[in-house]
Amino acid sequence: MDSLTMTRPDDWHLHLRDGTALADTVAYSAATFARAVVMPNLRPPIRTVDEADAYRSRILAARPAGSTFEPLMTLYLTDLTSPDEVARAHAAGIVAAKLYPAGATTNSEAGVTSLERVGDVLGTMEELGLPLLVHGEVTDPQVDVFDREKAFIDRVLVPLRDRYPGLRLVLEHATTRDAVEFVRACPSGVGATITPQHLLMNRNALFIGGLQPHHFCLPVLKREEHRFALIEAATGGDPRFFLGTDSAPHERSRKECANGCAGIFSAHGALPLYAEAFEAADALNRLEAFAAFHGADFYGLPRNRTSVRLERKVWAVPARYRLGDGEVVPLRAESTISWRVVSA
């Protein structure tokens, strides 16, 4: 297969940042995706309906001329989030609330310190059918960084599911066989997003040729056995798994430093990168459902009516892209991608 026309996809996990970066980040994603679930971990985070509305307005103002890209907004849960604010969010069309364990990842310091502190909020979300998006890692320093997702599933998600069986839940950027097995074991209402980097790379990519800061993300890349499990889940046609790039740009200076930030920028070539992974698994015929159907169906939103076309066409990824007043190093910088979006 040398070309593929498919329903225009959506990105169900995206970081757009704010300020001067918005004009660039929105353009990169809007070139391919119709909609995106926008993460709320700004500084300060998006904790209220009013803050989400204001952020949405800034995103819409940053769209390229003629773009119909639609940001789907989320709330950042804290220990102080109230059930009333969650109810307001649901009524206002906010699509989900995001759980960051405090200190787990970028700008998560204001996140939830204990699920007991947000029990009433989770009960309200269960009643309303508002999905909970989860960054699934424990912050216990005694747990190995490569085991933090598994520990979170065992310590937090399994009890959470038992206590709130009707709560709709998305395990974001799943990275392990354990995550795949957790989702499959749940009877309904649980899904997971999968990133291109976790389909294409294992943890060796962090160290080949020296330390690779632009391959550092959280959750961190895992062993090859876990990558295989993710490929099987993504390409197997199971509607509980869907596209979420977790494209997370940081300025180059914040990655190439003594305490580099976690995050991989992939929005410049996200769909072609997924195409590479699906082609390697001999499953290009299932890319459309993973990218354009499963997520929309999970969120109860209509599938897109427009299409995109991919061609097998090798192209060179530049060393850097503009990011506001600075620059970002993309995934596959100074290398190539074997597919390209030629019509969107």
Protein backbone atom coordinates (compact mmCIF):
# COMPACT_ATOMS: atom_id res chain seq x y z
CA MET A 1 0.00 0.00 0.00
CA ASP A 2 1.54 3.31 -1.10
CA SER A 3 -1.29 5.63 -0.07
CA LEU A 4 -4.09 5.64 2.46
CA THR A 5 -7.18 7.85 2.60
CA MET A 6 -8.93 7.81 5.96
CA THR A 7 -11.36 9.73 8.12
CA ARG A 8 -9.66 12.75 9.64
CA PRO A 9 -8.32 11.73 13.06
CA ASP A 10 -8.53 13.30 16.49
CA ASP A 11 -5.84 13.59 19.15
CA TRP A 12 -7.22 12.50 22.51
CA HIS A 13 -4.21 13.72 24.54
CA LEU A 14 -2.37 16.89 23.55
CA HIS A 15 -0.30 19.64 25.19
CA LEU A 16 -0.62 23.00 23.45
CA ARG A 17 1.10 25.12 26.12
CA ASP A 18 0.18 28.84 26.17
CA GLY A 19 1.39 32.33 25.36
CA THR A 20 3.56 32.87 22.30
CA ALA A 21 3.89 29.11 21.73
CA LEU A 22 0.19 28.71 20.90
CA ALA A 23 0.41 30.04 17.37
CA ASP A 24 2.88 27.26 16.55
CA THR A 25 1.52 24.35 18.57
CA VAL A 26 -2.05 24.85 17.35
CA ALA A 27 -0.90 25.04 13.74
CA TYR A 28 1.09 21.80 13.98
CA SER A 29 -1.88 19.84 15.30
CA ALA A 30 -4.58 21.58 13.28
CA ALA A 31 -2.81 20.60 10.07
CA THR A 32 -3.90 16.98 10.59
CA PHE A 33 -6.33 16.61 13.49
CA ALA A 34 -9.94 17.77 13.63
CA ARG A 35 -10.17 17.85 17.43
CA ALA A 36 -7.89 17.41 20.41
CA VAL A 37 -8.35 16.88 24.13
CA VAL A 38 -6.18 19.67 25.55
CA MET A 39 -4.28 19.02 28.75
CA PRO A 40 -4.75 21.56 31.58
CA ASN A 41 -1.30 21.48 33.23
CA LEU A 42 -0.33 25.07 32.54
CA ARG A 43 1.19 27.47 35.07
CA PRO A 44 -1.15 28.21 36.74
CA PRO A 45 -3.23 25.12 35.88
CA ILE A 46 -6.73 25.19 34.39
CA ARG A 47 -8.76 24.49 37.54
CA THR A 48 -12.12 26.15 36.85
CA VAL A 49 -14.69 26.47 34.10
CA ASP A 50 -13.85 30.15 33.67
CA GLU A 51 -10.15 29.37 33.26
CA ALA A 52 -10.96 26.65 30.72
CA ASP A 53 -13.18 29.05 28.75
CA ALA A 54 -10.44 31.66 28.67
CA TYR A 55 -7.83 29.13 27.57
CA ARG A 56 -10.15 27.82 24.86
CA SER A 57 -10.57 31.36 23.54
CA ARG A 58 -6.80 31.77 23.34
CA ILE A 59 -6.48 28.49 21.43
CA LEU A 60 -9.21 29.46 18.97
CA ALA A 61 -7.57 32.82 18.40
CA ALA A 62 -4.30 31.02 17.57
CA ARG A 63 -5.80 28.82 14.85
CA PRO A 64 -4.51 29.35 11.32
CA ALA A 65 -6.86 31.25 9.02
CA GLY A 66 -9.69 29.02 7.86
CA SER A 67 -8.96 26.25 10.37
CA THR A 68 -11.88 24.46 12.05
CA PHE A 69 -9.68 22.71 14.63
CA GLU A 70 -11.70 22.18 17.82
CA PRO A 71 -10.06 22.13 21.25
CA LEU A 72 -11.84 19.89 23.76
CA MET A 73 -11.21 21.30 27.21
CA THR A 74 -10.39 19.58 30.50
CA LEU A 75 -10.17 20.54 34.17
CA TYR A 76 -7.11 20.01 36.36
CA LEU A 77 -8.12 18.27 39.58
CA THR A 78 -6.64 19.47 42.85
CA ASP A 79 -7.34 18.61 46.47
CA LEU A 80 -9.63 21.67 46.54
CA THR A 81 -11.74 20.92 43.45
CA SER A 82 -15.42 20.91 44.39
CA PRO A 83 -18.26 18.70 43.12
CA ASP A 84 -20.08 21.89 42.11
CA GLU A 85 -17.22 22.95 39.83
CA VAL A 86 -17.20 19.52 38.20
CA ALA A 87 -20.96 19.76 37.64
CA ARG A 88 -20.47 23.22 36.09
CA ALA A 89 -17.76 21.82 33.86
CA HIS A 90 -19.99 19.03 32.60
CA ALA A 91 -22.81 21.48 31.90
CA ALA A 92 -20.40 23.78 30.05
CA GLY A 93 -19.23 21.05 27.66
CA ILE A 94 -15.85 20.36 29.23
CA VAL A 95 -15.14 16.79 28.20
CA ALA A 96 -13.13 15.43 31.15
CA ALA A 97 -11.19 16.11 34.33
CA LYS A 98 -7.50 15.24 34.61
CA LEU A 99 -5.90 13.53 37.58
CA TYR A 100 -2.22 14.28 38.04
CA PRO A 101 -0.72 12.69 41.14
CA ALA A 102 1.07 15.61 42.78
CA GLY A 103 4.66 15.73 41.56
CA ALA A 104 4.34 12.99 38.94
CA THR A 105 5.16 14.99 35.81
CA THR A 106 5.42 18.46 34.25
CA ASN A 107 3.45 21.12 36.16
CA SER A 108 1.80 18.55 38.42
CA GLU A 109 2.78 20.16 41.72
CA ALA A 110 -0.81 21.31 42.32
CA GLY A 111 -2.19 17.85 41.58
CA VAL A 112 -4.08 15.47 43.84
CA THR A 113 -2.20 14.26 46.92
CA SER A 114 -4.73 11.55 47.86
CA LEU A 115 -7.86 10.20 46.22
CA GLU A 116 -9.59 10.47 49.58
CA ARG A 117 -9.44 14.24 49.18
CA VAL A 118 -11.45 14.11 45.93
CA GLY A 119 -13.86 11.30 46.78
CA ASP A 120 -16.97 13.49 46.45
CA VAL A 121 -15.68 14.85 43.14
CA LEU A 122 -15.16 11.36 41.75
CA GLY A 123 -18.64 10.35 42.90
CA THR A 124 -20.11 13.34 41.08
CA MET A 125 -18.16 12.50 37.93
CA GLU A 126 -19.46 8.93 38.11
CA GLU A 127 -23.05 10.21 38.34
CA LEU A 128 -22.60 12.65 35.46
CA GLY A 129 -20.63 10.32 33.18
CA LEU A 130 -17.73 12.78 33.01
CA PRO A 131 -14.52 10.89 32.19
CA LEU A 132 -11.51 10.92 34.48
CA LEU A 133 -8.21 11.12 32.61
CA VAL A 134 -5.36 9.65 34.62
CA HIS A 135 -1.61 10.12 34.56
CA GLY A 136 -0.94 6.66 35.91
CA GLU A 137 2.26 6.78 37.93
CA VAL A 138 2.98 6.67 41.64
CA THR A 139 5.39 9.21 43.07
CA ASP A 140 6.78 6.93 45.79
CA PRO A 141 10.59 7.34 45.57
CA GLN A 142 11.02 3.72 46.65
CA VAL A 143 9.39 2.51 43.40
CA ASP A 144 11.67 2.10 40.39
CA VAL A 145 10.82 4.63 37.66
CA PHE A 146 10.17 1.80 35.20
CA ASP A 147 7.64 0.22 37.61
CA ARG A 148 5.64 3.30 38.55
CA GLU A 149 2.79 2.65 36.12
CA LYS A 150 2.32 -0.92 37.32
CA ALA A 151 2.44 0.21 40.95
CA PHE A 152 -0.18 2.89 40.21
CA ILE A 153 -2.48 0.33 38.62
CA ASP A 154 -2.16 -2.02 41.59
CA ARG A 155 -2.32 0.60 44.35
CA VAL A 156 -4.68 3.19 42.87
CA LEU A 157 -6.60 2.15 39.76
CA VAL A 158 -7.82 -1.25 40.90
CA PRO A 159 -9.24 0.12 44.19
CA LEU A 160 -10.59 3.18 42.34
CA ARG A 161 -12.44 0.98 39.87
CA ASP A 162 -13.85 -1.13 42.70
CA ARG A 163 -15.08 1.95 44.58
CA TYR A 164 -16.49 3.77 41.55
CA PRO A 165 -17.49 1.02 39.10
CA GLY A 166 -19.45 3.41 36.90
CA LEU A 167 -16.70 6.03 36.60
CA ARG A 168 -15.56 6.47 33.02
CA LEU A 169 -11.80 6.30 32.99
CA VAL A 170 -8.96 6.83 30.50
CA LEU A 171 -5.50 5.61 31.40
CA GLU A 172 -3.43 8.15 29.50
CA HIS A 173 -0.28 7.29 27.54
CA ALA A 174 -0.30 3.61 28.51
CA THR A 175 3.22 2.19 28.49
CA THR A 176 3.12 -1.35 29.85
CA ARG A 177 1.61 -4.78 29.35
CA ASP A 178 0.11 -4.26 32.80
CA ALA A 179 -1.84 -1.25 31.53
CA VAL A 180 -3.16 -3.19 28.55
CA GLU A 181 -4.25 -6.04 30.80
CA PHE A 182 -5.94 -3.65 33.25
CA VAL A 183 -8.01 -2.04 30.51
CA ARG A 184 -8.99 -5.41 29.04
CA ALA A 185 -10.02 -6.72 32.46
CA CYS A 186 -12.46 -3.89 33.08
CA PRO A 187 -16.03 -4.69 31.99
CA SER A 188 -16.83 -1.28 30.44
CA GLY A 189 -16.17 2.44 30.51
CA VAL A 190 -12.37 2.20 30.63
CA GLY A 191 -10.02 3.10 27.78
CA ALA A 192 -6.41 4.05 27.17
CA THR A 193 -4.51 6.34 24.86
CA ILE A 194 -1.25 5.21 23.26
CA THR A 195 1.49 7.51 21.98
CA PRO A 196 3.63 7.14 18.86
CA GLN A 197 6.85 7.10 20.87
CA HIS A 198 5.74 4.17 23.00
CA LEU A 199 4.78 2.23 19.86
CA LEU A 200 8.05 2.96 18.05
CA MET A 201 10.73 3.00 20.74
CA ASN A 202 11.81 1.10 23.82
CA ARG A 203 13.96 2.37 26.65
CA ASN A 204 17.18 1.75 24.72
CA ALA A 205 16.31 4.86 22.70
CA LEU A 206 17.16 6.96 25.75
CA PHE A 207 20.81 5.97 25.59
CA ILE A 208 21.81 5.03 22.02
CA GLY A 209 24.75 7.22 21.00
CA GLY A 210 24.74 8.92 24.38
CA LEU A 211 22.01 10.32 26.60
CA GLN A 212 19.07 11.41 24.42
CA PRO A 213 17.10 14.13 26.26
CA HIS A 214 14.56 14.50 23.46
CA HIS A 215 13.47 10.88 24.00
CA PHE A 216 12.75 11.51 27.68
CA CYS A 217 9.07 11.56 28.56
CA LEU A 218 6.88 10.51 31.47
CA PRO A 219 5.87 7.78 31.76
CA VAL A 220 9.33 6.82 30.57
CA LEU A 221 9.91 4.45 27.65
CA LYS A 222 9.79 0.80 28.71
CA ARG A 223 11.21 -2.62 27.78
CA GLU A 224 10.60 -4.20 24.39
CA GLU A 225 8.08 -6.67 25.83
CA HIS A 226 5.88 -3.74 26.84
CA ARG A 227 6.22 -2.09 23.44
CA PHE A 228 5.01 -5.32 21.82
CA ALA A 229 1.98 -5.37 24.12
CA LEU A 230 1.12 -1.79 23.15
CA ILE A 231 1.47 -2.60 19.44
CA GLU A 232 -0.88 -5.54 19.85
CA ALA A 233 -3.40 -3.38 21.69
CA ALA A 234 -3.26 -0.48 19.24
CA THR A 235 -3.38 -2.55 16.07
CA GLY A 236 -5.74 -5.27 17.27
CA GLY A 237 -8.99 -3.42 16.61
CA ASP A 238 -10.02 -3.17 20.29
CA PRO A 239 -12.12 0.04 20.63
CA ARG A 240 -10.84 0.66 24.15
CA PHE A 241 -7.47 1.81 22.78
CA PHE A 242 -7.17 5.02 20.81
CA LEU A 243 -4.78 7.69 19.57
CA GLY A 244 -3.34 10.19 22.02
CA THR A 245 -0.02 11.69 20.99
CA ASP A 246 0.89 13.29 24.32
CA SER A 247 2.83 15.71 22.11
CA ALA A 248 4.48 17.85 24.77
CA PRO A 249 6.83 20.56 23.48
CA HIS A 250 9.52 22.12 25.60
CA GLU A 251 11.98 24.73 24.42
CA ARG A 252 15.29 23.19 23.47
CA SER A 253 17.11 24.87 26.36
CA ARG A 254 14.72 23.22 28.85
CA LYS A 255 15.48 19.75 27.45
CA GLU A 256 19.24 20.06 26.90
CA CYS A 257 20.21 20.97 30.43
CA ALA A 258 21.18 19.44 33.76
CA ASN A 259 17.55 18.88 34.81
CA GLY A 260 15.78 18.39 31.51
CA CYS A 261 11.99 18.45 31.21
CA ALA A 262 9.96 15.37 30.34
CA GLY A 263 8.07 15.48 27.06
CA ILE A 264 8.38 14.52 23.39
CA PHE A 265 7.16 16.80 20.60
CA SER A 266 5.48 14.74 17.86
CA ALA A 267 2.69 16.94 16.47
CA HIS A 268 4.74 17.77 13.37
CA GLY A 269 4.48 14.16 12.12
CA ALA A 270 2.18 12.30 14.48
CA LEU A 271 -0.09 10.49 12.03
CA PRO A 272 2.81 9.39 9.77
CA LEU A 273 4.61 8.04 12.84
CA TYR A 274 1.54 5.99 13.78
CA ALA A 275 1.38 4.80 10.17
CA GLU A 276 4.94 3.50 10.48
CA ALA A 277 4.03 1.53 13.59
CA PHE A 278 0.87 0.09 12.05
CA GLU A 279 2.64 -0.79 8.81
CA ALA A 280 5.37 -2.62 10.73
CA ALA A 281 2.61 -4.67 12.38
CA ASP A 282 0.95 -5.33 9.00
CA ALA A 283 -2.14 -3.50 10.25
CA LEU A 284 -2.49 -0.31 8.17
CA ASN A 285 -6.10 -1.29 7.53
CA ARG A 286 -6.79 -0.73 11.25
CA LEU A 287 -5.16 2.69 11.59
CA GLU A 288 -8.36 4.57 10.70
CA ALA A 289 -10.38 3.03 13.50
CA PHE A 290 -7.64 3.60 16.08
CA ALA A 291 -7.06 7.19 14.98
CA ALA A 292 -10.54 8.38 14.03
CA PHE A 293 -13.26 6.12 15.47
CA HIS A 294 -12.40 4.62 18.86
CA GLY A 295 -11.81 7.87 20.73
CA ALA A 296 -14.84 9.64 19.30
CA ASP A 297 -17.02 6.68 20.20
CA PHE A 298 -15.63 6.52 23.75
CA TYR A 299 -16.38 10.21 24.33
CA GLY A 300 -19.79 9.96 22.67
CA LEU A 301 -18.89 12.47 19.97
CA PRO A 302 -19.71 12.21 16.25
CA ARG A 303 -17.05 10.80 13.98
CA ASN A 304 -15.46 13.31 11.64
CA ARG A 305 -16.83 13.66 8.12
CA THR A 306 -13.70 14.98 6.41
CA SER A 307 -10.68 12.92 5.41
CA VAL A 308 -6.90 12.97 5.17
CA ARG A 309 -4.59 11.22 2.74
CA LEU A 310 -1.26 9.67 3.59
CA GLU A 311 1.37 8.71 1.04
CA ARG A 312 4.43 6.54 1.43
CA LYS A 313 6.91 9.36 0.92
CA VAL A 314 10.14 9.63 2.88
CA TRP A 315 10.80 13.11 4.20
CA ALA A 316 13.53 14.63 6.30
CA VAL A 317 12.56 16.03 9.68
CA PRO A 318 14.39 19.28 10.42
CA ALA A 319 16.66 19.67 13.41
CA ARG A 320 14.31 22.21 15.00
CA TYR A 321 10.95 23.87 14.65
CA ARG A 322 9.90 27.28 15.91
CA LEU A 323 8.14 27.35 19.27
CA GLY A 324 6.99 30.84 20.17
CA ASP A 325 10.10 32.87 20.93
CA GLY A 326 12.29 29.77 20.99
CA GLU A 327 12.67 26.42 19.28
CA VAL A 328 11.70 22.80 19.86
CA VAL A 329 13.52 19.63 18.80
CA PRO A 330 10.98 17.22 17.25
CA LEU A 331 10.82 13.45 17.36
CA ARG A 332 13.03 12.10 14.54
CA ALA A 333 14.96 15.36 14.30
CA GLU A 334 17.58 15.17 11.53
CA SER A 335 16.23 11.77 10.54
CA THR A 336 13.32 10.65 8.32
CA ILE A 337 9.70 9.53 8.46
CA SER A 338 8.48 7.18 5.75
CA TRP A 339 4.89 8.43 5.48
CA ARG A 340 3.56 11.94 4.94
CA VAL A 341 0.17 13.65 5.11
CA VAL A 342 -0.39 15.08 1.64
CA SER A 343 -4.01 16.19 1.93
CA ALA A 344 -6.03 17.24 4.95
